[in-house]
């Protein structure tokens, strides 16, 4: 049941709003915990360089409305993730590119700024990895808190281990 998984998307058109790029909500307890190891976002359109804010946050219900996306195994011998694709953000599900943010409170864990011409990559040191426990009452969102000037050709994702 333990393994490594990614939730990614390439060349996506974002909604013209603050937008959750990826959202992963751990499965109900007892189950595996999720240890997030990498987050990235970039844009491949000819966008004029601007600085954009990015956040990693927890969110309680009501969750974002998402495009269903199923995690991909990083290692061929791993079992399928305990997380499955869904549009609701419910426990045990994942999705990308929110069309609505939901009314649930967001608690910012990590906030940063990046230049759109370079993209953004976060690889936390072992002491900084973000863990979300099975049965937590919240999911983990990777979020642009303001709409970017250009909405097309965005690539983003996250990687986690199930332990």
C-alpha atoms as a PDB file:
ATOM      1  CA  UNK A   1       0.000   0.000   0.000  1.00  0.00           C
ATOM      2  CA  UNK A   2       2.907   2.440   0.522  1.00  0.00           C
ATOM      3  CA  UNK A   3       4.405   4.109  -2.533  1.00  0.00           C
ATOM      4  CA  UNK A   4       5.112   7.346  -4.367  1.00  0.00           C
ATOM      5  CA  UNK A   5       2.529   9.226  -6.448  1.00  0.00           C
ATOM      6  CA  UNK A   6       2.174  12.369  -8.529  1.00  0.00           C
ATOM      7  CA  UNK A   7      -0.785  14.544  -9.410  1.00  0.00           C
ATOM      8  CA  UNK A   8       0.111  16.623 -12.463  1.00  0.00           C
ATOM      9  CA  UNK A   9      -1.266  18.552 -15.364  1.00  0.00           C
ATOM     10  CA  UNK A  10       0.248  20.222 -18.385  1.00  0.00           C
ATOM     11  CA  UNK A  11      -0.967  22.991 -20.691  1.00  0.00           C
ATOM     12  CA  UNK A  12      -4.114  23.741 -18.696  1.00  0.00           C
ATOM     13  CA  UNK A  13      -6.265  26.863 -19.028  1.00  0.00           C
ATOM     14  CA  UNK A  14      -7.028  28.267 -15.583  1.00  0.00           C
ATOM     15  CA  UNK A  15     -10.241  29.955 -14.466  1.00  0.00           C
ATOM     16  CA  UNK A  16      -9.959  33.756 -14.224  1.00  0.00           C
ATOM     17  CA  UNK A  17      -9.909  33.762 -10.404  1.00  0.00           C
ATOM     18  CA  UNK A  18      -7.869  32.640  -7.438  1.00  0.00           C
ATOM     19  CA  UNK A  19      -7.437  28.947  -8.241  1.00  0.00           C
ATOM     20  CA  UNK A  20      -6.476  25.740  -6.476  1.00  0.00           C
ATOM     21  CA  UNK A  21      -4.074  23.948  -8.809  1.00  0.00           C
ATOM     22  CA  UNK A  22      -3.998  20.602  -6.959  1.00  0.00           C
ATOM     23  CA  UNK A  23      -6.041  19.364  -4.011  1.00  0.00           C
ATOM     24  CA  UNK A  24      -5.472  16.083  -2.185  1.00  0.00           C
ATOM     25  CA  UNK A  25      -7.613  14.988   0.746  1.00  0.00           C
ATOM     26  CA  UNK A  26      -6.310  11.969   2.723  1.00  0.00           C
ATOM     27  CA  UNK A  27      -8.403   8.847   3.118  1.00  0.00           C
ATOM     28  CA  UNK A  28     -10.334   8.157   6.314  1.00  0.00           C
ATOM     29  CA  UNK A  29      -8.455   6.614   9.247  1.00  0.00           C
ATOM     30  CA  UNK A  30      -7.112   4.063   9.730  1.00  0.00           C
ATOM     31  CA  UNK A  31      -5.140   4.385   6.514  1.00  0.00           C
ATOM     32  CA  UNK A  32      -1.807   5.657   5.226  1.00  0.00           C
ATOM     33  CA  UNK A  33      -0.560   9.173   5.887  1.00  0.00           C
ATOM     34  CA  UNK A  34       0.539  11.388   2.984  1.00  0.00           C
ATOM     35  CA  UNK A  35       4.007  12.982   2.978  1.00  0.00           C
ATOM     36  CA  UNK A  36       4.270  15.719   0.336  1.00  0.00           C
ATOM     37  CA  UNK A  37       7.757  16.004  -1.199  1.00  0.00           C
ATOM     38  CA  UNK A  38       7.499  18.345  -4.212  1.00  0.00           C
ATOM     39  CA  UNK A  39       5.323  21.086  -5.728  1.00  0.00           C
ATOM     40  CA  UNK A  40       5.808  22.960  -9.017  1.00  0.00           C
ATOM     41  CA  UNK A  41       4.077  25.396 -11.331  1.00  0.00           C
ATOM     42  CA  UNK A  42       5.087  26.994 -14.619  1.00  0.00           C
ATOM     43  CA  UNK A  43       3.603  28.557 -17.716  1.00  0.00           C
ATOM     44  CA  UNK A  44       4.664  28.061 -21.344  1.00  0.00           C
ATOM     45  CA  UNK A  45       2.756  30.845 -23.112  1.00  0.00           C
ATOM     46  CA  UNK A  46       4.534  34.045 -24.152  1.00  0.00           C
ATOM     47  CA  UNK A  47       3.351  35.830 -21.037  1.00  0.00           C
ATOM     48  CA  UNK A  48       5.005  39.108 -20.071  1.00  0.00           C
ATOM     49  CA  UNK A  49       7.127  38.339 -17.000  1.00  0.00           C
ATOM     50  CA  UNK A  50       5.283  39.125 -13.769  1.00  0.00           C
ATOM     51  CA  UNK A  51       5.593  38.077 -10.150  1.00  0.00           C
ATOM     52  CA  UNK A  52       2.841  35.765  -8.903  1.00  0.00           C
ATOM     53  CA  UNK A  53       1.935  34.583  -5.426  1.00  0.00           C
ATOM     54  CA  UNK A  54       1.652  30.867  -4.637  1.00  0.00           C
ATOM     55  CA  UNK A  55       0.445  29.101  -1.487  1.00  0.00           C
ATOM     56  CA  UNK A  56       0.235  25.663   0.008  1.00  0.00           C
ATOM     57  CA  UNK A  57      -2.689  25.466   2.400  1.00  0.00           C
ATOM     58  CA  UNK A  58      -5.048  23.195   4.231  1.00  0.00           C
ATOM     59  CA  UNK A  59      -8.768  23.602   3.582  1.00  0.00           C
ATOM     60  CA  UNK A  60     -11.712  22.304   5.552  1.00  0.00           C
ATOM     61  CA  UNK A  61     -15.151  21.612   4.098  1.00  0.00           C
ATOM     62  CA  UNK A  62     -16.589  23.072   1.865  1.00  0.00           C
ATOM     63  CA  UNK A  63     -13.846  22.002  -0.518  1.00  0.00           C
ATOM     64  CA  UNK A  64     -13.027  23.318  -4.009  1.00  0.00           C
ATOM     65  CA  UNK A  65     -14.909  22.103  -7.082  1.00  0.00           C
ATOM     66  CA  UNK A  66     -12.205  20.367  -9.112  1.00  0.00           C
ATOM     67  CA  UNK A  67     -11.460  18.583 -12.344  1.00  0.00           C
ATOM     68  CA  UNK A  68     -11.144  14.916 -11.338  1.00  0.00           C
ATOM     69  CA  UNK A  69      -7.540  13.678 -11.591  1.00  0.00           C
ATOM     70  CA  UNK A  70      -6.243  10.292 -10.466  1.00  0.00           C
ATOM     71  CA  UNK A  71      -2.696  10.093  -9.047  1.00  0.00           C
ATOM     72  CA  UNK A  72      -0.013   8.370 -11.118  1.00  0.00           C
ATOM     73  CA  UNK A  73       2.420   5.844  -9.620  1.00  0.00           C
ATOM     74  CA  UNK A  74       6.047   6.991  -9.519  1.00  0.00           C
ATOM     75  CA  UNK A  75       7.330   3.412  -9.320  1.00  0.00           C
ATOM     76  CA  UNK A  76       5.913   0.644 -11.513  1.00  0.00           C
ATOM     77  CA  UNK A  77       5.816  -1.919  -8.712  1.00  0.00           C
ATOM     78  CA  UNK A  78       3.754   0.284  -6.368  1.00  0.00           C
ATOM     79  CA  UNK A  79       0.099  -0.474  -5.738  1.00  0.00           C
ATOM     80  CA  UNK A  80      -2.456   2.078  -6.863  1.00  0.00           C
ATOM     81  CA  UNK A  81      -2.760   5.095  -4.577  1.00  0.00           C
ATOM     82  CA  UNK A  82      -5.376   5.082  -1.827  1.00  0.00           C
ATOM     83  CA  UNK A  83      -6.400   8.443  -3.326  1.00  0.00           C
ATOM     84  CA  UNK A  84      -8.774   8.468  -6.312  1.00  0.00           C
ATOM     85  CA  UNK A  85      -9.821  11.235  -8.666  1.00  0.00           C
ATOM     86  CA  UNK A  86     -13.007  13.147  -7.861  1.00  0.00           C
ATOM     87  CA  UNK A  87     -14.533  16.594  -8.354  1.00  0.00           C
ATOM     88  CA  UNK A  88     -15.686  17.191  -4.760  1.00  0.00           C
ATOM     89  CA  UNK A  89     -12.459  17.236  -2.727  1.00  0.00           C
ATOM     90  CA  UNK A  90     -13.931  14.667  -0.305  1.00  0.00           C
ATOM     91  CA  UNK A  91     -11.783  12.389   1.867  1.00  0.00           C
ATOM     92  CA  UNK A  92      -9.662   9.963  -0.161  1.00  0.00           C
ATOM     93  CA  UNK A  93      -9.854  12.006  -3.376  1.00  0.00           C
ATOM     94  CA  UNK A  94      -7.806  14.358  -5.524  1.00  0.00           C
ATOM     95  CA  UNK A  95      -8.389  16.870  -8.283  1.00  0.00           C
ATOM     96  CA  UNK A  96      -6.879  19.775 -10.169  1.00  0.00           C
ATOM     97  CA  UNK A  97      -7.725  23.228 -11.560  1.00  0.00           C
ATOM     98  CA  UNK A  98     -10.627  24.317  -9.338  1.00  0.00           C
ATOM     99  CA  UNK A  99     -13.528  26.096 -11.011  1.00  0.00           C
ATOM    100  CA  UNK A 100     -14.835  27.227  -7.599  1.00  0.00           C
ATOM    101  CA  UNK A 101     -12.876  27.539  -4.364  1.00  0.00           C
ATOM    102  CA  UNK A 102     -15.507  26.419  -1.854  1.00  0.00           C
ATOM    103  CA  UNK A 103     -16.338  28.238   1.369  1.00  0.00           C
ATOM    104  CA  UNK A 104     -14.031  26.197   3.628  1.00  0.00           C
ATOM    105  CA  UNK A 105     -11.378  28.130   5.532  1.00  0.00           C
ATOM    106  CA  UNK A 106      -7.862  27.983   4.079  1.00  0.00           C
ATOM    107  CA  UNK A 107      -4.895  27.900   6.467  1.00  0.00           C
ATOM    108  CA  UNK A 108      -1.681  28.893   4.691  1.00  0.00           C
ATOM    109  CA  UNK A 109       1.258  26.560   5.396  1.00  0.00           C
ATOM    110  CA  UNK A 110       3.687  27.953   2.841  1.00  0.00           C
ATOM    111  CA  UNK A 111       3.483  31.250   0.935  1.00  0.00           C
ATOM    112  CA  UNK A 112       5.902  32.429  -1.716  1.00  0.00           C
ATOM    113  CA  UNK A 113       6.291  34.534  -4.860  1.00  0.00           C
ATOM    114  CA  UNK A 114       7.765  33.492  -8.205  1.00  0.00           C
ATOM    115  CA  UNK A 115       8.587  35.041 -11.555  1.00  0.00           C
ATOM    116  CA  UNK A 116       6.330  33.711 -14.310  1.00  0.00           C
ATOM    117  CA  UNK A 117       9.233  33.363 -16.750  1.00  0.00           C
ATOM    118  CA  UNK A 118      11.020  30.920 -14.389  1.00  0.00           C
ATOM    119  CA  UNK A 119       8.184  29.005 -12.726  1.00  0.00           C
ATOM    120  CA  UNK A 120       8.234  27.766  -9.132  1.00  0.00           C
ATOM    121  CA  UNK A 121       9.564  24.580  -7.544  1.00  0.00           C
ATOM    122  CA  UNK A 122       9.489  23.572  -3.890  1.00  0.00           C
ATOM    123  CA  UNK A 123      11.398  20.520  -2.669  1.00  0.00           C
ATOM    124  CA  UNK A 124      11.215  20.665   1.138  1.00  0.00           C
ATOM    125  CA  UNK A 125      14.155  19.359   3.120  1.00  0.00           C
ATOM    126  CA  UNK A 126      13.360  16.210   5.137  1.00  0.00           C
ATOM    127  CA  UNK A 127      12.585  18.349   8.195  1.00  0.00           C
ATOM    128  CA  UNK A 128      10.142  20.474   6.168  1.00  0.00           C
ATOM    129  CA  UNK A 129       8.065  17.882   4.319  1.00  0.00           C
ATOM    130  CA  UNK A 130       4.342  18.423   4.685  1.00  0.00           C
ATOM    131  CA  UNK A 131       2.472  15.510   6.226  1.00  0.00           C
ATOM    132  CA  UNK A 132      -1.284  15.064   6.213  1.00  0.00           C
ATOM    133  CA  UNK A 133      -2.626  12.272   8.397  1.00  0.00           C
ATOM    134  CA  UNK A 134      -5.303   9.790   7.405  1.00  0.00           C
ATOM    135  CA  UNK A 135      -8.607  10.930   8.809  1.00  0.00           C
ATOM    136  CA  UNK A 136      -7.590  14.597   8.902  1.00  0.00           C
ATOM    137  CA  UNK A 137     -10.567  16.915   8.643  1.00  0.00           C
ATOM    138  CA  UNK A 138      -8.882  18.844   5.831  1.00  0.00           C
ATOM    139  CA  UNK A 139      -7.227  18.445   2.451  1.00  0.00           C
ATOM    140  CA  UNK A 140      -4.002  19.973   1.126  1.00  0.00           C
ATOM    141  CA  UNK A 141      -4.284  22.557  -1.616  1.00  0.00           C
ATOM    142  CA  UNK A 142      -1.653  24.069  -3.911  1.00  0.00           C
ATOM    143  CA  UNK A 143      -3.095  27.452  -4.761  1.00  0.00           C
ATOM    144  CA  UNK A 144      -2.629  30.674  -6.745  1.00  0.00           C
ATOM    145  CA  UNK A 145      -4.357  33.244  -4.499  1.00  0.00           C
ATOM    146  CA  UNK A 146      -4.885  35.673  -7.404  1.00  0.00           C
ATOM    147  CA  UNK A 147      -5.684  35.092 -11.067  1.00  0.00           C
ATOM    148  CA  UNK A 148      -2.613  35.276 -13.317  1.00  0.00           C
ATOM    149  CA  UNK A 149      -2.631  37.723 -16.239  1.00  0.00           C
ATOM    150  CA  UNK A 150      -2.405  34.898 -18.784  1.00  0.00           C
ATOM    151  CA  UNK A 151      -4.670  31.902 -18.177  1.00  0.00           C
ATOM    152  CA  UNK A 152      -3.427  29.435 -20.814  1.00  0.00           C
ATOM    153  CA  UNK A 153      -0.623  26.860 -20.957  1.00  0.00           C
ATOM    154  CA  UNK A 154      -0.062  26.234 -17.233  1.00  0.00           C
ATOM    155  CA  UNK A 155       1.704  23.094 -15.942  1.00  0.00           C
ATOM    156  CA  UNK A 156       1.717  22.165 -12.253  1.00  0.00           C
ATOM    157  CA  UNK A 157       1.728  19.276  -9.834  1.00  0.00           C
ATOM    158  CA  UNK A 158       2.707  17.698  -6.552  1.00  0.00           C
ATOM    159  CA  UNK A 159       4.387  14.493  -5.412  1.00  0.00           C
ATOM    160  CA  UNK A 160       3.789  12.550  -2.208  1.00  0.00           C
ATOM    161  CA  UNK A 161       4.629   9.301  -0.469  1.00  0.00           C
ATOM    162  CA  UNK A 162       1.997   7.142   1.201  1.00  0.00           C
ATOM    163  CA  UNK A 163       3.310   5.778   4.513  1.00  0.00           C
END
